[in-house]
Amino acid sequence: MADRPAMTVTDPEPVPADEDEDDEDKEGDEGDLAGRFLRLEQEQDAELRALPPFGAPVAHVYRPLQYAWRPHRRFVRRYLRTPKRVLFLGMNPGPFGMAQTGVPFGEVWHVREWLRVTGAVTKPPGEHPKRPVLGLSCRRAEVSGARFWGLIRALCPDPRVFFRHCFVHNLCPLLFLAASGRNVPPAELPPPERNRLLGPCDRALARAVGLLGVGLVVAVGRFTERRARRALAGAAVRVEGLPHPSPRNPRANQGWEELAKARLGELGVLELFGGEEGAVPQLPQLGGGLGQLPVSSV
């Protein structure tokens, strides 16, 4: 979702190359977990490209899984090497987040400096002049992404600790803009178009959850939570909600980090951020079990 006000990012220090950066840049084995997940995303993207054009209020559609594929692929290959017990789920890209970086909730500073994800980003077809895609050079920061990844960074100074058991994904990979440049969230689409869009997204989510072995989906925002519950009805997975960090959410402007931390504590997710690598603590059994998964790396 679009965020106001936007923040300015200060000039960062150069990011040293990781030892495995070259390996992440390769296509890799399509049969490994990351490869299968990326293929699932490509299939979802192809299905969405086959939809009829969107009408008003949508004037521009950004598809970051195409023009920001390189950093997105690097994010997935770096942090999705083993099954995940918890999936944090957003709705769709924001104009200064994933639309710039290819990473869900992808506020530029955290993607580049904390997650250490890099990669070339090209221009989307039909770019809106008020919403240019500048990739990892974008100097505006999405408030939602800064709050989300800021909380995760506060809880897990080393991102590898977070990704031992968790991953982050969006239900829908598309950003919609009105003629004015205003972000149009899927909830605001006309019902027929919204249903055509989210049907394939729901099916892709169910496949992703099954592929990753997820036992708990933490849906960020009420609309995302409702869609996740619908998509995963009957599946052996819990769906729980987390308040959205967007400034459009009044609760988020009154100490969102503490609200979110308390909620994650209720869900037992905070316990996953402690302990030694390979240890898998139990989460509370709230309407469905989370089986233990052997985890040795991110």
C-alpha atoms as a PDB file:
ATOM      1  CA  MET A   1       0.000   0.000   0.000  1.00  0.00           C
ATOM      2  CA  ALA A   2       1.180   3.572  -0.540  1.00  0.00           C
ATOM      3  CA  ASP A   3       2.679   5.232   2.476  1.00  0.00           C
ATOM      4  CA  ARG A   4       2.569   8.873   3.544  1.00  0.00           C
ATOM      5  CA  PRO A   5       4.653  10.596   4.627  1.00  0.00           C
ATOM      6  CA  ALA A   6       7.669   9.250   2.750  1.00  0.00           C
ATOM      7  CA  MET A   7      11.054   9.341   4.431  1.00  0.00           C
ATOM      8  CA  THR A   8      14.437  10.191   2.971  1.00  0.00           C
ATOM      9  CA  VAL A   9      17.236   7.644   2.990  1.00  0.00           C
ATOM     10  CA  THR A  10      20.717   8.873   3.838  1.00  0.00           C
ATOM     11  CA  ASP A  11      23.669   7.808   1.717  1.00  0.00           C
ATOM     12  CA  PRO A  12      24.744   4.320   2.776  1.00  0.00           C
ATOM     13  CA  GLU A  13      28.203   2.895   3.110  1.00  0.00           C
ATOM     14  CA  PRO A  14      29.228   0.527   0.301  1.00  0.00           C
ATOM     15  CA  VAL A  15      28.020  -3.017   0.831  1.00  0.00           C
ATOM     16  CA  PRO A  16      30.827  -5.607   0.792  1.00  0.00           C
ATOM     17  CA  ALA A  17      30.132  -8.547  -1.496  1.00  0.00           C
ATOM     18  CA  ASP A  18      29.118 -11.725   0.258  1.00  0.00           C
ATOM     19  CA  GLU A  19      31.074 -14.904  -0.362  1.00  0.00           C
ATOM     20  CA  ASP A  20      28.052 -16.616  -1.879  1.00  0.00           C
ATOM     21  CA  GLU A  21      26.829 -13.667  -3.950  1.00  0.00           C
ATOM     22  CA  ASP A  22      28.012 -15.154  -7.220  1.00  0.00           C
ATOM     23  CA  ASP A  23      26.248 -18.416  -6.439  1.00  0.00           C
ATOM     24  CA  GLU A  24      23.002 -16.572  -5.710  1.00  0.00           C
ATOM     25  CA  ASP A  25      23.241 -14.852  -9.082  1.00  0.00           C
ATOM     26  CA  LYS A  26      23.105 -18.164 -10.911  1.00  0.00           C
ATOM     27  CA  GLU A  27      19.860 -19.872 -11.802  1.00  0.00           C
ATOM     28  CA  GLY A  28      20.778 -22.795  -9.572  1.00  0.00           C
ATOM     29  CA  ASP A  29      19.035 -26.140  -9.388  1.00  0.00           C
ATOM     30  CA  GLU A  30      15.386 -25.731 -10.348  1.00  0.00           C
ATOM     31  CA  GLY A  31      14.644 -28.744  -8.167  1.00  0.00           C
ATOM     32  CA  ASP A  32      15.824 -27.115  -4.943  1.00  0.00           C
ATOM     33  CA  LEU A  33      13.379 -25.306  -2.676  1.00  0.00           C
ATOM     34  CA  ALA A  34      14.264 -21.805  -3.852  1.00  0.00           C
ATOM     35  CA  GLY A  35      14.104 -22.874  -7.483  1.00  0.00           C
ATOM     36  CA  ARG A  36      10.679 -24.453  -7.069  1.00  0.00           C
ATOM     37  CA  PHE A  37       9.402 -21.382  -5.232  1.00  0.00           C
ATOM     38  CA  LEU A  38      10.696 -19.055  -7.948  1.00  0.00           C
ATOM     39  CA  ARG A  39       9.082 -21.214 -10.614  1.00  0.00           C
ATOM     40  CA  LEU A  40       5.779 -21.052  -8.725  1.00  0.00           C
ATOM     41  CA  GLU A  41       6.030 -17.256  -8.673  1.00  0.00           C
ATOM     42  CA  GLN A  42       6.748 -17.156 -12.393  1.00  0.00           C
ATOM     43  CA  GLU A  43       3.706 -19.304 -13.070  1.00  0.00           C
ATOM     44  CA  GLN A  44       1.561 -16.979 -10.962  1.00  0.00           C
ATOM     45  CA  ASP A  45       2.955 -13.957 -12.794  1.00  0.00           C
ATOM     46  CA  ALA A  46       2.208 -15.555 -16.179  1.00  0.00           C
ATOM     47  CA  GLU A  47      -1.366 -16.293 -15.114  1.00  0.00           C
ATOM     48  CA  LEU A  48      -1.848 -12.686 -14.019  1.00  0.00           C
ATOM     49  CA  ARG A  49      -0.398 -11.354 -17.283  1.00  0.00           C
ATOM     50  CA  ALA A  50      -3.104 -13.283 -19.119  1.00  0.00           C
ATOM     51  CA  LEU A  51      -5.874 -11.372 -17.344  1.00  0.00           C
ATOM     52  CA  PRO A  52      -7.832  -8.705 -19.245  1.00  0.00           C
ATOM     53  CA  PRO A  53      -6.581  -5.115 -18.821  1.00  0.00           C
ATOM     54  CA  PHE A  54      -7.635  -3.421 -15.608  1.00  0.00           C
ATOM     55  CA  GLY A  55     -10.077  -0.540 -15.863  1.00  0.00           C
ATOM     56  CA  ALA A  56     -10.533   2.604 -13.774  1.00  0.00           C
ATOM     57  CA  PRO A  57      -9.279   3.563 -11.283  1.00  0.00           C
ATOM     58  CA  VAL A  58      -6.170   1.635 -12.452  1.00  0.00           C
ATOM     59  CA  ALA A  59      -4.061   3.420 -15.068  1.00  0.00           C
ATOM     60  CA  HIS A  60      -0.659   1.736 -14.558  1.00  0.00           C
ATOM     61  CA  VAL A  61       0.339  -1.778 -13.469  1.00  0.00           C
ATOM     62  CA  TYR A  62       3.862  -2.493 -12.199  1.00  0.00           C
ATOM     63  CA  ARG A  63       5.131  -6.078 -12.266  1.00  0.00           C
ATOM     64  CA  PRO A  64       8.330  -6.179 -10.157  1.00  0.00           C
ATOM     65  CA  LEU A  65       8.723  -9.935 -10.631  1.00  0.00           C
ATOM     66  CA  GLN A  66       9.697  -8.989 -14.183  1.00  0.00           C
ATOM     67  CA  TYR A  67      11.724  -5.770 -14.028  1.00  0.00           C
ATOM     68  CA  ALA A  68      13.144  -6.362 -10.504  1.00  0.00           C
ATOM     69  CA  TRP A  69      13.607 -10.107 -10.937  1.00  0.00           C
ATOM     70  CA  ARG A  70      17.351 -10.093 -10.251  1.00  0.00           C
ATOM     71  CA  PRO A  71      17.229  -8.743  -6.667  1.00  0.00           C
ATOM     72  CA  HIS A  72      14.061 -10.731  -6.021  1.00  0.00           C
ATOM     73  CA  ARG A  73      15.739 -13.939  -7.121  1.00  0.00           C
ATOM     74  CA  ARG A  74      18.770 -13.135  -4.981  1.00  0.00           C
ATOM     75  CA  PHE A  75      16.537 -12.542  -1.943  1.00  0.00           C
ATOM     76  CA  VAL A  76      14.803 -15.883  -2.423  1.00  0.00           C
ATOM     77  CA  ARG A  77      17.990 -17.836  -3.095  1.00  0.00           C
ATOM     78  CA  ARG A  78      19.755 -16.310  -0.109  1.00  0.00           C
ATOM     79  CA  TYR A  79      17.020 -16.784   2.469  1.00  0.00           C
ATOM     80  CA  LEU A  80      14.868 -19.685   1.249  1.00  0.00           C
ATOM     81  CA  ARG A  81      17.147 -22.700   1.497  1.00  0.00           C
ATOM     82  CA  THR A  82      15.098 -24.776   3.938  1.00  0.00           C
ATOM     83  CA  PRO A  83      11.397 -25.226   4.816  1.00  0.00           C
ATOM     84  CA  LYS A  84       9.842 -22.459   6.936  1.00  0.00           C
ATOM     85  CA  ARG A  85       7.453 -22.777   9.847  1.00  0.00           C
ATOM     86  CA  VAL A  86       6.125 -19.204   9.634  1.00  0.00           C
ATOM     87  CA  LEU A  87       5.197 -17.129   6.580  1.00  0.00           C
ATOM     88  CA  PHE A  88       4.706 -13.387   7.002  1.00  0.00           C
ATOM     89  CA  LEU A  89       2.261 -12.375   4.289  1.00  0.00           C
ATOM     90  CA  GLY A  90       1.715  -8.924   2.818  1.00  0.00           C
ATOM     91  CA  MET A  91      -0.902  -7.979   0.240  1.00  0.00           C
ATOM     92  CA  ASN A  92       1.024  -6.460  -2.686  1.00  0.00           C
ATOM     93  CA  PRO A  93       4.007  -4.211  -3.506  1.00  0.00           C
ATOM     94  CA  GLY A  94       4.163  -0.579  -2.434  1.00  0.00           C
ATOM     95  CA  PRO A  95       5.564   2.105  -4.766  1.00  0.00           C
ATOM     96  CA  PHE A  96       8.646   2.741  -2.609  1.00  0.00           C
ATOM     97  CA  GLY A  97       9.090  -0.819  -1.392  1.00  0.00           C
ATOM     98  CA  MET A  98       8.913  -3.979  -3.474  1.00  0.00           C
ATOM     99  CA  ALA A  99       8.171  -1.920  -6.586  1.00  0.00           C
ATOM    100  CA  GLN A 100      11.725  -0.568  -6.235  1.00  0.00           C
ATOM    101  CA  THR A 101      13.623  -3.546  -4.830  1.00  0.00           C
ATOM    102  CA  GLY A 102      11.740  -6.737  -5.698  1.00  0.00           C
ATOM    103  CA  VAL A 103      11.623  -7.680  -1.992  1.00  0.00           C
ATOM    104  CA  PRO A 104       8.353  -7.818  -0.010  1.00  0.00           C
ATOM    105  CA  PHE A 105       8.037  -4.783   2.300  1.00  0.00           C
ATOM    106  CA  GLY A 106      11.294  -3.888   0.548  1.00  0.00           C
ATOM    107  CA  GLU A 107      12.228  -0.502   1.958  1.00  0.00           C
ATOM    108  CA  VAL A 108      15.497   0.319   0.237  1.00  0.00           C
ATOM    109  CA  TRP A 109      17.850   0.794   3.187  1.00  0.00           C
ATOM    110  CA  HIS A 110      16.910  -2.476   4.878  1.00  0.00           C
ATOM    111  CA  VAL A 111      17.075  -4.434   1.624  1.00  0.00           C
ATOM    112  CA  ARG A 112      20.474  -3.085   0.670  1.00  0.00           C
ATOM    113  CA  GLU A 113      22.187  -2.637   4.027  1.00  0.00           C
ATOM    114  CA  TRP A 114      20.614  -5.236   6.317  1.00  0.00           C
ATOM    115  CA  LEU A 115      19.373  -8.001   4.035  1.00  0.00           C
ATOM    116  CA  ARG A 116      22.370  -7.284   1.792  1.00  0.00           C
ATOM    117  CA  VAL A 117      20.372  -7.897  -1.369  1.00  0.00           C
ATOM    118  CA  THR A 118      21.586  -6.211  -4.539  1.00  0.00           C
ATOM    119  CA  GLY A 119      20.846  -6.503  -8.241  1.00  0.00           C
ATOM    120  CA  ALA A 120      19.981  -4.501 -11.311  1.00  0.00           C
ATOM    121  CA  VAL A 121      16.426  -3.185 -11.662  1.00  0.00           C
ATOM    122  CA  THR A 122      15.097  -2.050 -15.021  1.00  0.00           C
ATOM    123  CA  LYS A 123      12.179   0.214 -15.856  1.00  0.00           C
ATOM    124  CA  PRO A 124       8.607  -1.102 -15.938  1.00  0.00           C
ATOM    125  CA  PRO A 125       6.657  -0.596 -19.163  1.00  0.00           C
ATOM    126  CA  GLY A 126       4.332   2.388 -18.903  1.00  0.00           C
ATOM    127  CA  GLU A 127       6.115   3.917 -15.930  1.00  0.00           C
ATOM    128  CA  HIS A 128       4.171   6.684 -14.185  1.00  0.00           C
ATOM    129  CA  PRO A 129       6.227   9.938 -14.150  1.00  0.00           C
ATOM    130  CA  LYS A 130       5.308  10.525 -10.503  1.00  0.00           C
ATOM    131  CA  ARG A 131       6.308   6.994  -9.459  1.00  0.00           C
ATOM    132  CA  PRO A 132       9.632   6.325 -11.186  1.00  0.00           C
ATOM    133  CA  VAL A 133      11.404   3.069 -10.488  1.00  0.00           C
ATOM    134  CA  LEU A 134      14.958   3.818  -9.379  1.00  0.00           C
ATOM    135  CA  GLY A 135      15.728   0.429  -7.872  1.00  0.00           C
ATOM    136  CA  LEU A 136      18.173   0.287  -4.990  1.00  0.00           C
ATOM    137  CA  SER A 137      19.149   3.895  -5.711  1.00  0.00           C
ATOM    138  CA  CYS A 138      15.697   5.139  -4.698  1.00  0.00           C
ATOM    139  CA  ARG A 139      16.053   7.770  -1.977  1.00  0.00           C
ATOM    140  CA  ARG A 140      12.506   7.546  -0.648  1.00  0.00           C
ATOM    141  CA  ALA A 141      11.698   4.974   1.995  1.00  0.00           C
ATOM    142  CA  GLU A 142       8.372   3.217   2.374  1.00  0.00           C
ATOM    143  CA  VAL A 143       7.137   3.692   5.923  1.00  0.00           C
ATOM    144  CA  SER A 144       5.457   0.271   6.073  1.00  0.00           C
ATOM    145  CA  GLY A 145       8.633  -1.488   5.002  1.00  0.00           C
ATOM    146  CA  ALA A 146      10.836   0.576   7.303  1.00  0.00           C
ATOM    147  CA  ARG A 147       8.596  -0.302  10.242  1.00  0.00           C
ATOM    148  CA  PHE A 148       8.265  -3.978   9.323  1.00  0.00           C
ATOM    149  CA  TRP A 149      11.925  -4.722   8.678  1.00  0.00           C
ATOM    150  CA  GLY A 150      12.948  -2.338  11.457  1.00  0.00           C
ATOM    151  CA  LEU A 151      11.032  -4.486  13.929  1.00  0.00           C
ATOM    152  CA  ILE A 152      12.534  -7.696  12.555  1.00  0.00           C
ATOM    153  CA  ARG A 153      16.019  -6.162  12.705  1.00  0.00           C
ATOM    154  CA  ALA A 154      15.455  -5.092  16.324  1.00  0.00           C
ATOM    155  CA  LEU A 155      14.401  -8.637  17.223  1.00  0.00           C
ATOM    156  CA  CYS A 156      17.052 -10.378  15.092  1.00  0.00           C
ATOM    157  CA  PRO A 157      20.139  -8.225  14.456  1.00  0.00           C
ATOM    158  CA  ASP A 158      21.407 -11.009  12.205  1.00  0.00           C
ATOM    159  CA  PRO A 159      18.822 -11.623   9.445  1.00  0.00           C
ATOM    160  CA  ARG A 160      19.861 -15.268   9.217  1.00  0.00           C
ATOM    161  CA  VAL A 161      18.307 -15.827  12.650  1.00  0.00           C
ATOM    162  CA  PHE A 162      14.931 -14.613  11.385  1.00  0.00           C
ATOM    163  CA  PHE A 163      15.094 -16.672   8.206  1.00  0.00           C
ATOM    164  CA  ARG A 164      15.906 -19.927   9.993  1.00  0.00           C
ATOM    165  CA  HIS A 165      12.201 -20.454  10.542  1.00  0.00           C
ATOM    166  CA  CYS A 166      10.441 -17.558   8.769  1.00  0.00           C
ATOM    167  CA  PHE A 167       9.979 -16.117   5.304  1.00  0.00           C
ATOM    168  CA  VAL A 168       8.181 -13.073   3.839  1.00  0.00           C
ATOM    169  CA  HIS A 169       5.940 -13.101   0.797  1.00  0.00           C
ATOM    170  CA  ASN A 170       3.134 -11.109  -0.862  1.00  0.00           C
ATOM    171  CA  LEU A 171      -0.226 -12.528  -1.857  1.00  0.00           C
ATOM    172  CA  CYS A 172      -0.296 -10.446  -5.055  1.00  0.00           C
ATOM    173  CA  PRO A 173       2.884  -9.427  -6.926  1.00  0.00           C
ATOM    174  CA  LEU A 174       1.371  -6.431  -8.752  1.00  0.00           C
ATOM    175  CA  LEU A 175       1.276  -2.716  -7.921  1.00  0.00           C
ATOM    176  CA  PHE A 176      -1.662  -0.679  -9.218  1.00  0.00           C
ATOM    177  CA  LEU A 177      -1.510   3.085  -9.737  1.00  0.00           C
ATOM    178  CA  ALA A 178      -4.240   5.559 -10.612  1.00  0.00           C
ATOM    179  CA  ALA A 179      -3.717   8.246 -13.245  1.00  0.00           C
ATOM    180  CA  SER A 180      -2.713  10.628 -10.441  1.00  0.00           C
ATOM    181  CA  GLY A 181      -0.004   8.233  -9.230  1.00  0.00           C
ATOM    182  CA  ARG A 182      -2.034   7.206  -6.185  1.00  0.00           C
ATOM    183  CA  ASN A 183      -1.594   3.630  -5.053  1.00  0.00           C
ATOM    184  CA  VAL A 184      -4.722   1.538  -5.675  1.00  0.00           C
ATOM    185  CA  PRO A 185      -4.731  -1.456  -3.285  1.00  0.00           C
ATOM    186  CA  PRO A 186      -6.491  -4.626  -4.474  1.00  0.00           C
ATOM    187  CA  ALA A 187      -9.255  -4.016  -1.928  1.00  0.00           C
ATOM    188  CA  GLU A 188     -10.252  -0.904  -3.915  1.00  0.00           C
ATOM    189  CA  LEU A 189     -10.564  -2.637  -7.277  1.00  0.00           C
ATOM    190  CA  PRO A 190     -14.074  -3.173  -8.672  1.00  0.00           C
ATOM    191  CA  PRO A 191     -15.323  -6.525  -7.328  1.00  0.00           C
ATOM    192  CA  PRO A 192     -15.229  -8.394 -10.681  1.00  0.00           C
ATOM    193  CA  GLU A 193     -11.629  -7.327 -11.331  1.00  0.00           C
ATOM    194  CA  ARG A 194     -10.632  -7.994  -7.726  1.00  0.00           C
ATOM    195  CA  ASN A 195     -12.020 -11.507  -7.921  1.00  0.00           C
ATOM    196  CA  ARG A 196     -10.260 -12.224 -11.229  1.00  0.00           C
ATOM    197  CA  LEU A 197      -6.998 -10.987  -9.727  1.00  0.00           C
ATOM    198  CA  LEU A 198      -7.112 -12.642  -6.332  1.00  0.00           C
ATOM    199  CA  GLY A 199      -8.404 -16.032  -7.438  1.00  0.00           C
ATOM    200  CA  PRO A 200      -5.042 -16.994  -9.004  1.00  0.00           C
ATOM    201  CA  CYS A 201      -3.231 -15.336  -6.086  1.00  0.00           C
ATOM    202  CA  ASP A 202      -5.169 -17.421  -3.569  1.00  0.00           C
ATOM    203  CA  ARG A 203      -4.286 -20.607  -5.432  1.00  0.00           C
ATOM    204  CA  ALA A 204      -0.626 -19.624  -5.640  1.00  0.00           C
ATOM    205  CA  LEU A 205      -0.566 -18.915  -1.897  1.00  0.00           C
ATOM    206  CA  ALA A 206      -1.941 -22.370  -1.126  1.00  0.00           C
ATOM    207  CA  ARG A 207       0.756 -23.915  -3.296  1.00  0.00           C
ATOM    208  CA  ALA A 208       3.487 -21.814  -1.686  1.00  0.00           C
ATOM    209  CA  VAL A 209       2.387 -22.731   1.827  1.00  0.00           C
ATOM    210  CA  GLY A 210       2.407 -26.409   0.923  1.00  0.00           C
ATOM    211  CA  LEU A 211       5.790 -26.154  -0.788  1.00  0.00           C
ATOM    212  CA  LEU A 212       7.462 -24.438   2.179  1.00  0.00           C
ATOM    213  CA  GLY A 213       5.839 -26.630   4.819  1.00  0.00           C
ATOM    214  CA  VAL A 214       4.389 -23.567   6.563  1.00  0.00           C
ATOM    215  CA  GLY A 215       2.349 -24.141   9.711  1.00  0.00           C
ATOM    216  CA  LEU A 216       1.543 -20.511  10.572  1.00  0.00           C
ATOM    217  CA  VAL A 217       0.719 -17.628   8.242  1.00  0.00           C
ATOM    218  CA  VAL A 218       1.025 -14.203   9.866  1.00  0.00           C
ATOM    219  CA  ALA A 219      -1.066 -11.993   7.598  1.00  0.00           C
ATOM    220  CA  VAL A 220      -0.203  -8.286   7.763  1.00  0.00           C
ATOM    221  CA  GLY A 221      -3.424  -6.297   7.662  1.00  0.00           C
ATOM    222  CA  ARG A 222      -7.074  -7.322   7.943  1.00  0.00           C
ATOM    223  CA  PHE A 223      -7.772  -7.617   4.228  1.00  0.00           C
ATOM    224  CA  THR A 224      -4.737  -9.864   3.761  1.00  0.00           C
ATOM    225  CA  GLU A 225      -5.831 -11.955   6.731  1.00  0.00           C
ATOM    226  CA  ARG A 226      -9.315 -12.435   5.271  1.00  0.00           C
ATOM    227  CA  ARG A 227      -7.910 -13.476   1.900  1.00  0.00           C
ATOM    228  CA  ALA A 228      -5.404 -15.848   3.485  1.00  0.00           C
ATOM    229  CA  ARG A 229      -8.138 -17.512   5.528  1.00  0.00           C
ATOM    230  CA  ARG A 230     -10.175 -17.967   2.374  1.00  0.00           C
ATOM    231  CA  ALA A 231      -7.245 -19.277   0.333  1.00  0.00           C
ATOM    232  CA  LEU A 232      -6.156 -21.733   3.027  1.00  0.00           C
ATOM    233  CA  ALA A 233      -9.549 -22.919   4.239  1.00  0.00           C
ATOM    234  CA  GLY A 234      -9.311 -26.599   5.024  1.00  0.00           C
ATOM    235  CA  ALA A 235      -5.515 -26.630   4.945  1.00  0.00           C
ATOM    236  CA  ALA A 236      -3.479 -27.785   7.942  1.00  0.00           C
ATOM    237  CA  VAL A 237      -2.189 -24.280   8.623  1.00  0.00           C
ATOM    238  CA  ARG A 238      -3.072 -21.517  11.071  1.00  0.00           C
ATOM    239  CA  VAL A 239      -3.759 -18.004   9.812  1.00  0.00           C
ATOM    240  CA  GLU A 240      -3.333 -15.157  12.278  1.00  0.00           C
ATOM    241  CA  GLY A 241      -3.366 -11.400  11.812  1.00  0.00           C
ATOM    242  CA  LEU A 242      -0.833  -8.661  12.522  1.00  0.00           C
ATOM    243  CA  PRO A 243      -1.749  -4.947  12.422  1.00  0.00           C
ATOM    244  CA  HIS A 244      -0.551  -3.281   9.236  1.00  0.00           C
ATOM    245  CA  PRO A 245       2.353  -0.840   9.772  1.00  0.00           C
ATOM    246  CA  SER A 246       1.078   1.642   7.181  1.00  0.00           C
ATOM    247  CA  PRO A 247       0.523   5.244   8.350  1.00  0.00           C
ATOM    248  CA  ARG A 248      -2.983   4.840   6.911  1.00  0.00           C
ATOM    249  CA  ASN A 249      -3.671   2.582   9.877  1.00  0.00           C
ATOM    250  CA  PRO A 250      -4.275   4.864  12.894  1.00  0.00           C
ATOM    251  CA  ARG A 251      -3.119   2.144  15.300  1.00  0.00           C
ATOM    252  CA  ALA A 252       0.203   1.922  13.475  1.00  0.00           C
ATOM    253  CA  ASN A 253       0.953   5.552  14.294  1.00  0.00           C
ATOM    254  CA  GLN A 254       0.629   4.900  18.016  1.00  0.00           C
ATOM    255  CA  GLY A 255       3.502   2.532  18.687  1.00  0.00           C
ATOM    256  CA  TRP A 256       3.165  -0.110  15.980  1.00  0.00           C
ATOM    257  CA  GLU A 257       6.397  -1.843  16.969  1.00  0.00           C
ATOM    258  CA  GLU A 258       5.179  -2.555  20.487  1.00  0.00           C
ATOM    259  CA  LEU A 259       1.775  -3.703  19.198  1.00  0.00           C
ATOM    260  CA  ALA A 260       3.393  -6.026  16.701  1.00  0.00           C
ATOM    261  CA  LYS A 261       5.922  -7.371  19.181  1.00  0.00           C
ATOM    262  CA  ALA A 262       3.166  -8.152  21.671  1.00  0.00           C
ATOM    263  CA  ARG A 263       1.153  -9.912  18.972  1.00  0.00           C
ATOM    264  CA  LEU A 264       4.122 -12.003  17.885  1.00  0.00           C
ATOM    265  CA  GLY A 265       4.643 -12.924  21.517  1.00  0.00           C
ATOM    266  CA  GLU A 266       1.041 -14.121  21.757  1.00  0.00           C
ATOM    267  CA  LEU A 267       1.576 -16.279  18.680  1.00  0.00           C
ATOM    268  CA  GLY A 268       4.798 -17.756  20.037  1.00  0.00           C
ATOM    269  CA  VAL A 269       6.802 -16.446  17.086  1.00  0.00           C
ATOM    270  CA  LEU A 270       9.295 -14.565  19.266  1.00  0.00           C
ATOM    271  CA  GLU A 271      10.497 -17.896  20.627  1.00  0.00           C
ATOM    272  CA  LEU A 272      11.758 -18.796  17.168  1.00  0.00           C
ATOM    273  CA  PHE A 273      14.249 -15.935  17.255  1.00  0.00           C
ATOM    274  CA  GLY A 274      16.239 -17.348  20.182  1.00  0.00           C
ATOM    275  CA  GLY A 275      18.190 -20.497  20.804  1.00  0.00           C
ATOM    276  CA  GLU A 276      20.885 -22.278  18.860  1.00  0.00           C
ATOM    277  CA  GLU A 277      20.799 -22.993  15.157  1.00  0.00           C
ATOM    278  CA  GLY A 278      18.974 -26.254  14.542  1.00  0.00           C
ATOM    279  CA  ALA A 279      16.838 -25.961  17.682  1.00  0.00           C
ATOM    280  CA  VAL A 280      13.126 -25.802  16.890  1.00  0.00           C
ATOM    281  CA  PRO A 281      10.971 -24.589  19.794  1.00  0.00           C
ATOM    282  CA  GLN A 282       7.293 -25.454  19.897  1.00  0.00           C
ATOM    283  CA  LEU A 283       4.704 -22.797  19.077  1.00  0.00           C
ATOM    284  CA  PRO A 284       1.398 -22.616  20.951  1.00  0.00           C
ATOM    285  CA  GLN A 285      -1.255 -24.905  19.497  1.00  0.00           C
ATOM    286  CA  LEU A 286      -4.042 -22.483  18.572  1.00  0.00           C
ATOM    287  CA  GLY A 287      -6.422 -24.267  16.271  1.00  0.00           C
ATOM    288  CA  GLY A 288      -3.789 -26.265  14.446  1.00  0.00           C
ATOM    289  CA  GLY A 289      -0.399 -27.781  14.983  1.00  0.00           C
ATOM    290  CA  LEU A 290       2.976 -26.744  13.678  1.00  0.00           C
ATOM    291  CA  GLY A 291       5.086 -29.804  13.182  1.00  0.00           C
ATOM    292  CA  GLN A 292       8.771 -29.560  13.918  1.00  0.00           C
ATOM    293  CA  LEU A 293      11.038 -29.089  10.937  1.00  0.00           C
ATOM    294  CA  PRO A 294      14.753 -29.838  10.916  1.00  0.00           C
ATOM    295  CA  VAL A 295      16.469 -26.544  10.162  1.00  0.00           C
ATOM    296  CA  SER A 296      20.209 -26.192   9.646  1.00  0.00           C
ATOM    297  CA  SER A 297      20.496 -22.971   7.668  1.00  0.00           C
ATOM    298  CA  VAL A 298      18.416 -20.199   6.151  1.00  0.00           C
END
